[in-house]
Amino acid sequence: MKTKDKRIDLTSDIIKGIKAIKYFGWENVFTKKILNLRTQEFSSLSKIKYLDVFCLILWTVTSITIVTSTFITFSLIKHNIQQTNAFTVILKFLLFVLNFI
């Protein structure tokens, strides 16, 4: 957001002083400044989005891993998984996960 604020401030300053910029021929200088700030802003936003994707994948994989490990442990201990037990466990895990969303 800091980079976005800098870019917006620079853009508004350019708009306010457009006559002087045109008069002295500084268009290329200010264009480079704005493009540099846009590049920094895009870099920051892309890092945040990659972190969001990583967290989403981790959240999904964690819930699947917990359910799978629970069924494996249950089958190793009792050697018998019935449909009612399996659906009950899946429902409990879904309710548990939905409480945190």
N, C-alpha and C. Protein backbone atom coordinates (compact mmCIF):
# COMPACT_ATOMS: atom_id res chain seq x y z
N MET A 1 0.82 -1.20 0.00
CA MET A 1 0.00 0.00 0.00
C MET A 1 0.87 1.26 0.00
N LYS A 2 2.04 1.17 0.62
CA LYS A 2 2.92 2.35 0.62
C LYS A 2 3.35 2.70 -0.80
N THR A 3 3.67 1.68 -1.58
CA THR A 3 4.08 1.91 -2.97
C THR A 3 2.92 2.47 -3.77
N LYS A 4 1.73 1.96 -3.54
CA LYS A 4 0.55 2.45 -4.24
C LYS A 4 0.30 3.91 -3.89
N ASP A 5 0.46 4.26 -2.60
CA ASP A 5 0.28 5.65 -2.19
C ASP A 5 1.31 6.57 -2.85
N LYS A 6 2.56 6.10 -2.94
CA LYS A 6 3.59 6.91 -3.61
C LYS A 6 3.24 7.13 -5.08
N ARG A 7 2.78 6.06 -5.74
CA ARG A 7 2.43 6.17 -7.16
C ARG A 7 1.25 7.11 -7.36
N ILE A 8 0.25 7.02 -6.51
CA ILE A 8 -0.92 7.90 -6.63
C ILE A 8 -0.53 9.35 -6.36
N ASP A 9 0.32 9.58 -5.34
CA ASP A 9 0.78 10.94 -5.06
C ASP A 9 1.56 11.51 -6.23
N LEU A 10 2.45 10.71 -6.81
CA LEU A 10 3.22 11.18 -7.96
C LEU A 10 2.33 11.47 -9.16
N THR A 11 1.35 10.62 -9.38
CA THR A 11 0.42 10.83 -10.49
C THR A 11 -0.39 12.11 -10.30
N SER A 12 -0.86 12.34 -9.08
CA SER A 12 -1.63 13.57 -8.84
C SER A 12 -0.74 14.80 -8.95
N ASP A 13 0.52 14.71 -8.52
CA ASP A 13 1.45 15.83 -8.70
C ASP A 13 1.71 16.11 -10.17
N ILE A 14 1.82 15.06 -10.97
CA ILE A 14 2.03 15.23 -12.40
C ILE A 14 0.83 15.91 -13.04
N ILE A 15 -0.35 15.48 -12.63
CA ILE A 15 -1.56 16.08 -13.21
C ILE A 15 -1.65 17.57 -12.83
N LYS A 16 -1.28 17.89 -11.58
CA LYS A 16 -1.32 19.29 -11.15
C LYS A 16 -0.30 20.14 -11.90
N GLY A 17 0.88 19.58 -12.17
CA GLY A 17 1.93 20.35 -12.81
C GLY A 17 2.17 19.99 -14.26
N ILE A 18 1.12 19.58 -14.95
CA ILE A 18 1.28 19.09 -16.33
C ILE A 18 1.80 20.18 -17.27
N LYS A 19 1.43 21.44 -17.01
CA LYS A 19 1.91 22.52 -17.88
C LYS A 19 3.42 22.67 -17.80
N ALA A 20 3.95 22.64 -16.59
CA ALA A 20 5.40 22.79 -16.41
C ALA A 20 6.14 21.58 -16.98
N ILE A 21 5.59 20.40 -16.79
CA ILE A 21 6.23 19.19 -17.31
C ILE A 21 6.28 19.22 -18.83
N LYS A 22 5.20 19.64 -19.45
CA LYS A 22 5.17 19.74 -20.91
C LYS A 22 6.11 20.85 -21.40
N TYR A 23 6.13 21.94 -20.66
CA TYR A 23 6.95 23.08 -21.06
C TYR A 23 8.45 22.73 -21.05
N PHE A 24 8.89 22.03 -20.00
CA PHE A 24 10.32 21.70 -19.88
C PHE A 24 10.67 20.36 -20.54
N GLY A 25 9.69 19.62 -21.03
CA GLY A 25 9.95 18.36 -21.72
C GLY A 25 10.37 17.23 -20.79
N TRP A 26 9.75 17.18 -19.60
CA TRP A 26 10.10 16.16 -18.61
C TRP A 26 9.18 14.94 -18.66
N GLU A 27 8.49 14.74 -19.76
CA GLU A 27 7.54 13.62 -19.83
C GLU A 27 8.23 12.27 -19.61
N ASN A 28 9.38 12.07 -20.24
CA ASN A 28 10.09 10.79 -20.12
C ASN A 28 10.57 10.53 -18.69
N VAL A 29 11.01 11.58 -18.02
CA VAL A 29 11.50 11.43 -16.63
C VAL A 29 10.37 10.96 -15.72
N PHE A 30 9.23 11.62 -15.82
CA PHE A 30 8.12 11.26 -14.94
C PHE A 30 7.46 9.94 -15.36
N THR A 31 7.50 9.63 -16.64
CA THR A 31 7.00 8.33 -17.08
C THR A 31 7.82 7.20 -16.49
N LYS A 32 9.14 7.37 -16.48
CA LYS A 32 10.02 6.35 -15.88
C LYS A 32 9.77 6.22 -14.40
N LYS A 33 9.55 7.34 -13.70
CA LYS A 33 9.28 7.28 -12.26
C LYS A 33 7.98 6.51 -11.98
N ILE A 34 6.95 6.81 -12.74
CA ILE A 34 5.65 6.14 -12.54
C ILE A 34 5.77 4.65 -12.86
N LEU A 35 6.45 4.33 -13.96
CA LEU A 35 6.61 2.91 -14.32
C LEU A 35 7.44 2.16 -13.29
N ASN A 36 8.43 2.80 -12.71
CA ASN A 36 9.23 2.17 -11.65
C ASN A 36 8.35 1.87 -10.43
N LEU A 37 7.53 2.84 -10.03
CA LEU A 37 6.64 2.62 -8.89
C LEU A 37 5.59 1.55 -9.20
N ARG A 38 5.10 1.51 -10.44
CA ARG A 38 4.14 0.46 -10.81
C ARG A 38 4.77 -0.92 -10.77
N THR A 39 6.04 -1.01 -11.19
CA THR A 39 6.75 -2.28 -11.14
C THR A 39 6.92 -2.75 -9.69
N GLN A 40 7.28 -1.82 -8.81
CA GLN A 40 7.42 -2.17 -7.38
C GLN A 40 6.08 -2.60 -6.80
N GLU A 41 5.03 -1.90 -7.17
CA GLU A 41 3.69 -2.23 -6.67
C GLU A 41 3.27 -3.62 -7.15
N PHE A 42 3.51 -3.91 -8.41
CA PHE A 42 3.15 -5.22 -8.95
C PHE A 42 3.96 -6.32 -8.28
N SER A 43 5.22 -6.07 -8.00
CA SER A 43 6.05 -7.05 -7.32
C SER A 43 5.51 -7.36 -5.93
N SER A 44 5.12 -6.34 -5.21
CA SER A 44 4.56 -6.53 -3.87
C SER A 44 3.25 -7.30 -3.93
N LEU A 45 2.39 -6.93 -4.88
CA LEU A 45 1.10 -7.62 -5.00
C LEU A 45 1.27 -9.08 -5.41
N SER A 46 2.22 -9.35 -6.28
CA SER A 46 2.43 -10.74 -6.70
C SER A 46 2.95 -11.59 -5.54
N LYS A 47 3.82 -11.02 -4.72
CA LYS A 47 4.30 -11.76 -3.54
C LYS A 47 3.16 -12.10 -2.60
N ILE A 48 2.26 -11.15 -2.39
CA ILE A 48 1.11 -11.37 -1.51
C ILE A 48 0.20 -12.45 -2.09
N LYS A 49 -0.03 -12.42 -3.38
CA LYS A 49 -0.91 -13.42 -4.00
C LYS A 49 -0.29 -14.81 -3.97
N TYR A 50 1.02 -14.90 -4.18
CA TYR A 50 1.68 -16.21 -4.06
C TYR A 50 1.57 -16.75 -2.64
N LEU A 51 1.68 -15.88 -1.65
CA LEU A 51 1.52 -16.31 -0.26
C LEU A 51 0.08 -16.77 0.00
N ASP A 52 -0.89 -16.08 -0.58
CA ASP A 52 -2.30 -16.49 -0.45
C ASP A 52 -2.53 -17.88 -1.05
N VAL A 53 -1.96 -18.12 -2.22
CA VAL A 53 -2.11 -19.43 -2.87
C VAL A 53 -1.45 -20.52 -2.02
N PHE A 54 -0.27 -20.23 -1.50
CA PHE A 54 0.42 -21.21 -0.65
C PHE A 54 -0.41 -21.54 0.59
N CYS A 55 -0.99 -20.52 1.22
CA CYS A 55 -1.82 -20.77 2.41
C CYS A 55 -3.07 -21.57 2.07
N LEU A 56 -3.67 -21.29 0.93
CA LEU A 56 -4.85 -22.04 0.51
C LEU A 56 -4.52 -23.51 0.25
N ILE A 57 -3.41 -23.76 -0.43
CA ILE A 57 -2.99 -25.14 -0.69
C ILE A 57 -2.66 -25.84 0.62
N LEU A 58 -1.97 -25.17 1.51
CA LEU A 58 -1.62 -25.76 2.80
C LEU A 58 -2.88 -26.09 3.60
N TRP A 59 -3.86 -25.20 3.58
CA TRP A 59 -5.11 -25.43 4.30
C TRP A 59 -5.85 -26.66 3.73
N THR A 60 -5.89 -26.77 2.43
CA THR A 60 -6.58 -27.90 1.80
C THR A 60 -5.86 -29.21 2.06
N VAL A 61 -4.56 -29.21 1.89
CA VAL A 61 -3.77 -30.43 2.08
C VAL A 61 -3.81 -30.88 3.53
N THR A 62 -3.80 -29.94 4.45
CA THR A 62 -3.82 -30.28 5.88
C THR A 62 -5.10 -31.01 6.25
N SER A 63 -6.24 -30.51 5.80
CA SER A 63 -7.50 -31.17 6.16
C SER A 63 -7.60 -32.56 5.54
N ILE A 64 -7.14 -32.71 4.30
CA ILE A 64 -7.16 -34.03 3.66
C ILE A 64 -6.20 -34.98 4.37
N THR A 65 -5.05 -34.49 4.76
CA THR A 65 -4.06 -35.31 5.46
C THR A 65 -4.59 -35.77 6.82
N ILE A 66 -5.26 -34.90 7.52
CA ILE A 66 -5.81 -35.26 8.84
C ILE A 66 -6.87 -36.35 8.69
N VAL A 67 -7.77 -36.19 7.75
CA VAL A 67 -8.82 -37.21 7.56
C VAL A 67 -8.20 -38.54 7.14
N THR A 68 -7.26 -38.50 6.21
CA THR A 68 -6.62 -39.73 5.74
C THR A 68 -5.85 -40.42 6.85
N SER A 69 -5.09 -39.65 7.61
CA SER A 69 -4.32 -40.27 8.70
C SER A 69 -5.23 -40.83 9.79
N THR A 70 -6.37 -40.18 10.01
CA THR A 70 -7.32 -40.71 10.99
C THR A 70 -7.89 -42.04 10.53
N PHE A 71 -8.28 -42.15 9.26
CA PHE A 71 -8.80 -43.41 8.75
C PHE A 71 -7.73 -44.50 8.77
N ILE A 72 -6.51 -44.17 8.44
CA ILE A 72 -5.43 -45.17 8.46
C ILE A 72 -5.18 -45.65 9.88
N THR A 73 -5.12 -44.71 10.81
CA THR A 73 -4.92 -45.09 12.21
C THR A 73 -6.08 -45.94 12.72
N PHE A 74 -7.29 -45.54 12.40
CA PHE A 74 -8.46 -46.30 12.82
C PHE A 74 -8.45 -47.71 12.25
N SER A 75 -8.07 -47.83 11.00
CA SER A 75 -8.06 -49.16 10.39
C SER A 75 -6.93 -50.02 10.95
N LEU A 76 -5.83 -49.41 11.33
CA LEU A 76 -4.73 -50.18 11.93
C LEU A 76 -5.07 -50.65 13.34
N ILE A 77 -5.84 -49.88 14.06
CA ILE A 77 -6.17 -50.25 15.44
C ILE A 77 -7.34 -51.23 15.47
N LYS A 78 -8.45 -50.92 14.80
CA LYS A 78 -9.65 -51.74 14.89
C LYS A 78 -9.82 -52.71 13.73
N HIS A 79 -9.17 -52.51 12.65
CA HIS A 79 -9.23 -53.38 11.47
C HIS A 79 -10.62 -53.46 10.84
N ASN A 80 -11.51 -52.53 11.18
CA ASN A 80 -12.86 -52.61 10.63
C ASN A 80 -13.43 -51.18 10.52
N ILE A 81 -13.63 -50.72 9.30
CA ILE A 81 -14.23 -49.42 9.10
C ILE A 81 -15.61 -49.64 8.48
N GLN A 82 -16.64 -49.22 9.20
CA GLN A 82 -18.00 -49.32 8.69
C GLN A 82 -18.40 -47.98 8.06
N GLN A 83 -19.40 -48.04 7.20
CA GLN A 83 -19.84 -46.82 6.52
C GLN A 83 -20.33 -45.76 7.49
N THR A 84 -21.04 -46.17 8.50
CA THR A 84 -21.57 -45.19 9.46
C THR A 84 -20.43 -44.49 10.18
N ASN A 85 -19.40 -45.25 10.55
CA ASN A 85 -18.24 -44.63 11.22
C ASN A 85 -17.51 -43.67 10.28
N ALA A 86 -17.34 -44.08 9.05
CA ALA A 86 -16.61 -43.25 8.09
C ALA A 86 -17.35 -41.95 7.82
N PHE A 87 -18.65 -42.01 7.57
CA PHE A 87 -19.41 -40.80 7.30
C PHE A 87 -19.49 -39.89 8.52
N THR A 88 -19.57 -40.47 9.70
CA THR A 88 -19.60 -39.68 10.93
C THR A 88 -18.29 -38.92 11.11
N VAL A 89 -17.18 -39.59 10.87
CA VAL A 89 -15.87 -38.96 11.01
C VAL A 89 -15.70 -37.84 9.99
N ILE A 90 -16.10 -38.09 8.75
CA ILE A 90 -15.98 -37.06 7.71
C ILE A 90 -16.84 -35.85 8.07
N LEU A 91 -18.06 -36.08 8.55
CA LEU A 91 -18.93 -34.99 8.95
C LEU A 91 -18.33 -34.19 10.09
N LYS A 92 -17.78 -34.86 11.08
CA LYS A 92 -17.15 -34.17 12.21
C LYS A 92 -15.98 -33.31 11.74
N PHE A 93 -15.16 -33.83 10.85
CA PHE A 93 -14.04 -33.05 10.35
C PHE A 93 -14.52 -31.85 9.53
N LEU A 94 -15.55 -32.04 8.73
CA LEU A 94 -16.08 -30.92 7.95
C LEU A 94 -16.64 -29.83 8.87
N LEU A 95 -17.36 -30.22 9.88
CA LEU A 95 -17.87 -29.23 10.83
C LEU A 95 -16.75 -28.53 11.57
N PHE A 96 -15.70 -29.27 11.92
CA PHE A 96 -14.54 -28.70 12.58
C PHE A 96 -13.85 -27.67 11.69
N VAL A 97 -13.66 -28.02 10.42
CA VAL A 97 -13.00 -27.12 9.49
C VAL A 97 -13.86 -25.89 9.21
N LEU A 98 -15.17 -26.07 9.07
CA LEU A 98 -16.05 -24.95 8.79
C LEU A 98 -16.13 -23.97 9.94
N ASN A 99 -15.87 -24.41 11.16
CA ASN A 99 -15.87 -23.49 12.30
C ASN A 99 -14.71 -22.51 12.22
N PHE A 100 -13.64 -22.86 11.55
CA PHE A 100 -12.48 -21.99 11.46
C PHE A 100 -12.51 -21.08 10.24
N ILE A 101 -13.47 -21.26 9.37
CA ILE A 101 -13.54 -20.40 8.17
C ILE A 101 -14.32 -19.15 8.45
